[in-house]
N, C-alpha and C. Protein backbone atom coordinates (compact mmCIF):
# COMPACT_ATOMS: atom_id res chain seq x y z
N MET A 1 0.84 -1.17 0.00
CA MET A 1 0.00 0.00 0.00
C MET A 1 0.90 1.24 0.00
N THR A 2 0.68 2.11 -0.96
CA THR A 2 1.47 3.34 -1.07
C THR A 2 0.76 4.47 -0.34
N ARG A 3 1.48 5.12 0.56
CA ARG A 3 0.97 6.28 1.28
C ARG A 3 1.98 7.40 1.11
N VAL A 4 1.53 8.57 0.68
CA VAL A 4 2.40 9.69 0.38
C VAL A 4 1.94 10.90 1.19
N ILE A 5 2.89 11.59 1.79
CA ILE A 5 2.59 12.81 2.53
C ILE A 5 2.95 14.00 1.65
N VAL A 6 2.00 14.92 1.51
CA VAL A 6 2.25 16.17 0.80
C VAL A 6 2.10 17.29 1.81
N ALA A 7 3.16 18.06 1.97
CA ALA A 7 3.14 19.22 2.86
C ALA A 7 3.99 20.29 2.19
N GLY A 8 3.44 21.47 2.07
CA GLY A 8 4.19 22.49 1.36
C GLY A 8 3.76 23.89 1.71
N ALA A 9 4.23 24.82 0.91
CA ALA A 9 4.01 26.24 1.15
C ALA A 9 2.53 26.60 1.02
N VAL A 10 2.07 27.46 1.91
CA VAL A 10 0.69 27.92 1.83
C VAL A 10 0.48 28.84 0.63
N ALA A 11 1.55 29.38 0.08
CA ALA A 11 1.45 30.25 -1.09
C ALA A 11 1.57 29.47 -2.41
N TRP A 12 1.72 28.16 -2.34
CA TRP A 12 1.91 27.34 -3.54
C TRP A 12 0.66 27.40 -4.42
N THR A 13 0.84 27.66 -5.73
CA THR A 13 -0.30 27.73 -6.65
C THR A 13 -0.13 26.86 -7.89
N ASP A 14 0.99 26.19 -8.02
CA ASP A 14 1.27 25.41 -9.22
C ASP A 14 0.59 24.04 -9.17
N VAL A 15 -0.69 24.03 -9.51
CA VAL A 15 -1.45 22.78 -9.47
C VAL A 15 -0.92 21.78 -10.48
N GLY A 16 -0.35 22.27 -11.58
CA GLY A 16 0.19 21.37 -12.60
C GLY A 16 1.33 20.50 -12.07
N ALA A 17 2.20 21.08 -11.28
CA ALA A 17 3.32 20.30 -10.70
C ALA A 17 2.79 19.22 -9.76
N ILE A 18 1.79 19.57 -8.98
CA ILE A 18 1.22 18.59 -8.05
C ILE A 18 0.51 17.49 -8.82
N ARG A 19 -0.28 17.87 -9.82
CA ARG A 19 -0.99 16.87 -10.64
C ARG A 19 0.01 15.93 -11.32
N ARG A 20 1.10 16.49 -11.87
CA ARG A 20 2.12 15.67 -12.55
C ARG A 20 2.69 14.60 -11.63
N GLU A 21 3.02 14.99 -10.39
CA GLU A 21 3.63 14.04 -9.46
C GLU A 21 2.62 13.04 -8.91
N LEU A 22 1.42 13.51 -8.56
CA LEU A 22 0.41 12.59 -8.01
C LEU A 22 -0.08 11.60 -9.06
N ALA A 23 -0.07 11.99 -10.32
CA ALA A 23 -0.49 11.09 -11.40
C ALA A 23 0.43 9.89 -11.53
N LYS A 24 1.63 9.97 -10.98
CA LYS A 24 2.59 8.86 -11.03
C LYS A 24 2.31 7.79 -9.98
N LEU A 25 1.42 8.09 -9.04
CA LEU A 25 1.14 7.13 -7.96
C LEU A 25 0.30 5.97 -8.47
N PRO A 26 0.48 4.80 -7.89
CA PRO A 26 -0.30 3.64 -8.31
C PRO A 26 -1.76 3.74 -7.86
N VAL A 27 -2.61 3.03 -8.54
CA VAL A 27 -4.02 2.95 -8.15
C VAL A 27 -4.09 2.44 -6.72
N GLY A 28 -4.94 3.03 -5.92
CA GLY A 28 -5.08 2.60 -4.53
C GLY A 28 -4.19 3.35 -3.56
N ALA A 29 -3.36 4.25 -4.06
CA ALA A 29 -2.47 5.02 -3.18
C ALA A 29 -3.30 5.99 -2.33
N THR A 30 -2.73 6.38 -1.20
CA THR A 30 -3.36 7.34 -0.30
C THR A 30 -2.47 8.57 -0.21
N VAL A 31 -3.09 9.75 -0.34
CA VAL A 31 -2.38 11.01 -0.21
C VAL A 31 -2.79 11.62 1.13
N ILE A 32 -1.79 11.88 1.95
CA ILE A 32 -2.00 12.48 3.27
C ILE A 32 -1.48 13.92 3.17
N HIS A 33 -2.30 14.87 3.63
CA HIS A 33 -1.84 16.26 3.56
C HIS A 33 -2.17 16.98 4.86
N GLY A 34 -1.53 18.12 5.05
CA GLY A 34 -1.63 18.86 6.30
C GLY A 34 -2.87 19.70 6.47
N ASP A 35 -3.83 19.63 5.55
CA ASP A 35 -5.10 20.35 5.68
C ASP A 35 -4.90 21.85 5.84
N SER A 36 -3.92 22.39 5.10
CA SER A 36 -3.65 23.82 5.09
C SER A 36 -3.86 24.33 3.68
N PRO A 37 -3.98 25.66 3.53
CA PRO A 37 -4.10 26.22 2.17
C PRO A 37 -2.82 25.97 1.37
N GLY A 38 -2.88 26.20 0.09
CA GLY A 38 -1.70 26.07 -0.76
C GLY A 38 -1.47 24.64 -1.22
N ALA A 39 -0.23 24.18 -1.10
CA ALA A 39 0.16 22.86 -1.61
C ALA A 39 -0.70 21.75 -1.00
N ASP A 40 -0.98 21.83 0.28
CA ASP A 40 -1.76 20.78 0.95
C ASP A 40 -3.16 20.68 0.35
N ALA A 41 -3.85 21.81 0.25
CA ALA A 41 -5.21 21.83 -0.28
C ALA A 41 -5.25 21.39 -1.74
N LEU A 42 -4.28 21.86 -2.54
CA LEU A 42 -4.22 21.45 -3.93
C LEU A 42 -3.99 19.95 -4.06
N ALA A 43 -3.12 19.41 -3.24
CA ALA A 43 -2.85 17.97 -3.29
C ALA A 43 -4.10 17.17 -2.94
N GLY A 44 -4.84 17.62 -1.95
CA GLY A 44 -6.08 16.93 -1.59
C GLY A 44 -7.09 16.95 -2.72
N ARG A 45 -7.24 18.12 -3.34
CA ARG A 45 -8.19 18.25 -4.44
C ARG A 45 -7.79 17.40 -5.64
N VAL A 46 -6.52 17.48 -6.03
CA VAL A 46 -6.04 16.74 -7.19
C VAL A 46 -6.10 15.24 -6.93
N ALA A 47 -5.71 14.81 -5.75
CA ALA A 47 -5.76 13.37 -5.43
C ALA A 47 -7.19 12.85 -5.55
N ALA A 48 -8.15 13.60 -5.05
CA ALA A 48 -9.55 13.18 -5.14
C ALA A 48 -9.99 13.10 -6.61
N GLU A 49 -9.58 14.09 -7.41
CA GLU A 49 -9.91 14.08 -8.85
C GLU A 49 -9.31 12.86 -9.55
N LEU A 50 -8.15 12.41 -9.08
CA LEU A 50 -7.48 11.25 -9.68
C LEU A 50 -8.01 9.93 -9.13
N GLY A 51 -8.94 10.00 -8.19
CA GLY A 51 -9.51 8.79 -7.61
C GLY A 51 -8.67 8.16 -6.52
N LEU A 52 -7.73 8.92 -5.98
CA LEU A 52 -6.89 8.42 -4.90
C LEU A 52 -7.57 8.69 -3.56
N ALA A 53 -7.25 7.89 -2.57
CA ALA A 53 -7.76 8.13 -1.21
C ALA A 53 -7.04 9.36 -0.65
N VAL A 54 -7.77 10.15 0.14
CA VAL A 54 -7.21 11.38 0.71
C VAL A 54 -7.43 11.38 2.22
N GLU A 55 -6.37 11.68 2.97
CA GLU A 55 -6.46 11.78 4.43
C GLU A 55 -5.91 13.14 4.86
N PRO A 56 -6.80 14.11 5.13
CA PRO A 56 -6.31 15.38 5.67
C PRO A 56 -5.96 15.23 7.14
N MET A 57 -4.85 15.82 7.55
CA MET A 57 -4.42 15.75 8.94
C MET A 57 -4.35 17.17 9.49
N ALA A 58 -5.37 17.58 10.21
CA ALA A 58 -5.41 18.93 10.76
C ALA A 58 -4.28 19.13 11.76
N LYS A 59 -3.78 20.35 11.81
CA LYS A 59 -2.71 20.67 12.76
C LYS A 59 -3.23 20.56 14.18
N ASN A 60 -2.39 20.00 15.03
CA ASN A 60 -2.74 19.84 16.43
C ASN A 60 -1.44 19.92 17.22
N GLU A 61 -1.25 20.99 17.96
CA GLU A 61 0.00 21.19 18.71
C GLU A 61 0.37 19.99 19.58
N ALA A 62 -0.60 19.29 20.12
CA ALA A 62 -0.33 18.16 21.00
C ALA A 62 0.34 17.01 20.26
N ASP A 63 0.20 16.96 18.93
CA ASP A 63 0.78 15.87 18.14
C ASP A 63 2.27 16.03 17.90
N TYR A 64 2.81 17.25 18.07
CA TYR A 64 4.20 17.51 17.74
C TYR A 64 5.13 17.22 18.90
N ASP A 65 6.23 16.59 18.56
CA ASP A 65 7.30 16.35 19.51
C ASP A 65 7.91 17.71 19.87
N GLU A 66 8.28 17.91 21.08
CA GLU A 66 8.84 19.19 21.51
C GLU A 66 10.17 19.51 20.83
N LYS A 67 10.92 18.49 20.43
CA LYS A 67 12.25 18.71 19.87
C LYS A 67 12.26 18.96 18.37
N SER A 68 11.29 18.43 17.64
CA SER A 68 11.34 18.56 16.19
C SER A 68 9.96 18.42 15.58
N SER A 69 9.61 19.34 14.71
CA SER A 69 8.33 19.27 14.03
C SER A 69 8.31 18.18 12.98
N ARG A 70 9.46 17.57 12.72
CA ARG A 70 9.49 16.46 11.78
C ARG A 70 9.12 15.14 12.46
N ARG A 71 9.03 15.17 13.76
CA ARG A 71 8.63 13.97 14.49
C ARG A 71 7.19 14.18 14.95
N VAL A 72 6.30 13.35 14.45
CA VAL A 72 4.90 13.45 14.80
C VAL A 72 4.47 12.13 15.41
N LYS A 73 3.98 12.17 16.62
CA LYS A 73 3.54 10.96 17.33
C LYS A 73 4.60 9.86 17.26
N GLY A 74 5.87 10.25 17.41
CA GLY A 74 6.95 9.27 17.46
C GLY A 74 7.44 8.77 16.12
N ARG A 75 6.83 9.23 15.03
CA ARG A 75 7.24 8.78 13.71
C ARG A 75 8.13 9.83 13.07
N VAL A 76 9.17 9.39 12.39
CA VAL A 76 10.03 10.31 11.67
C VAL A 76 9.65 10.24 10.20
N PHE A 77 9.43 11.39 9.60
CA PHE A 77 9.05 11.43 8.19
C PHE A 77 10.22 11.87 7.34
N HIS A 78 10.41 11.20 6.22
CA HIS A 78 11.44 11.58 5.26
C HIS A 78 10.79 12.52 4.25
N VAL A 79 11.46 13.60 3.95
CA VAL A 79 10.89 14.64 3.11
C VAL A 79 11.51 14.60 1.72
N SER A 80 10.68 14.73 0.71
CA SER A 80 11.13 14.82 -0.67
C SER A 80 10.60 16.13 -1.23
N ARG A 81 11.41 16.86 -1.97
CA ARG A 81 10.98 18.15 -2.51
C ARG A 81 10.35 17.99 -3.88
N LEU A 82 9.24 18.68 -4.05
CA LEU A 82 8.58 18.75 -5.34
C LEU A 82 9.19 19.93 -6.09
N THR A 83 9.65 19.69 -7.31
CA THR A 83 10.25 20.77 -8.07
C THR A 83 9.34 21.15 -9.21
N ARG A 84 9.43 22.39 -9.60
CA ARG A 84 8.58 22.88 -10.70
C ARG A 84 9.12 22.37 -11.96
């Protein structure tokens, strides 16, 4: 099962770049996003249009590790940059 996290700039407007990358995902993939404006919202919309499962994750201060925002509920996430 493929699960992809999309988190990006709230000022992101390049829906084409997001569509290009999400279109590469296999059928049945899940797109998880931070439920914020910009890249997150675009990824959720595009993923739904492509028929992918979408899981928005609203921000919640209690979920963040005190030492690093990259650690959420004890999990470490590896980040990949989307390029235009």
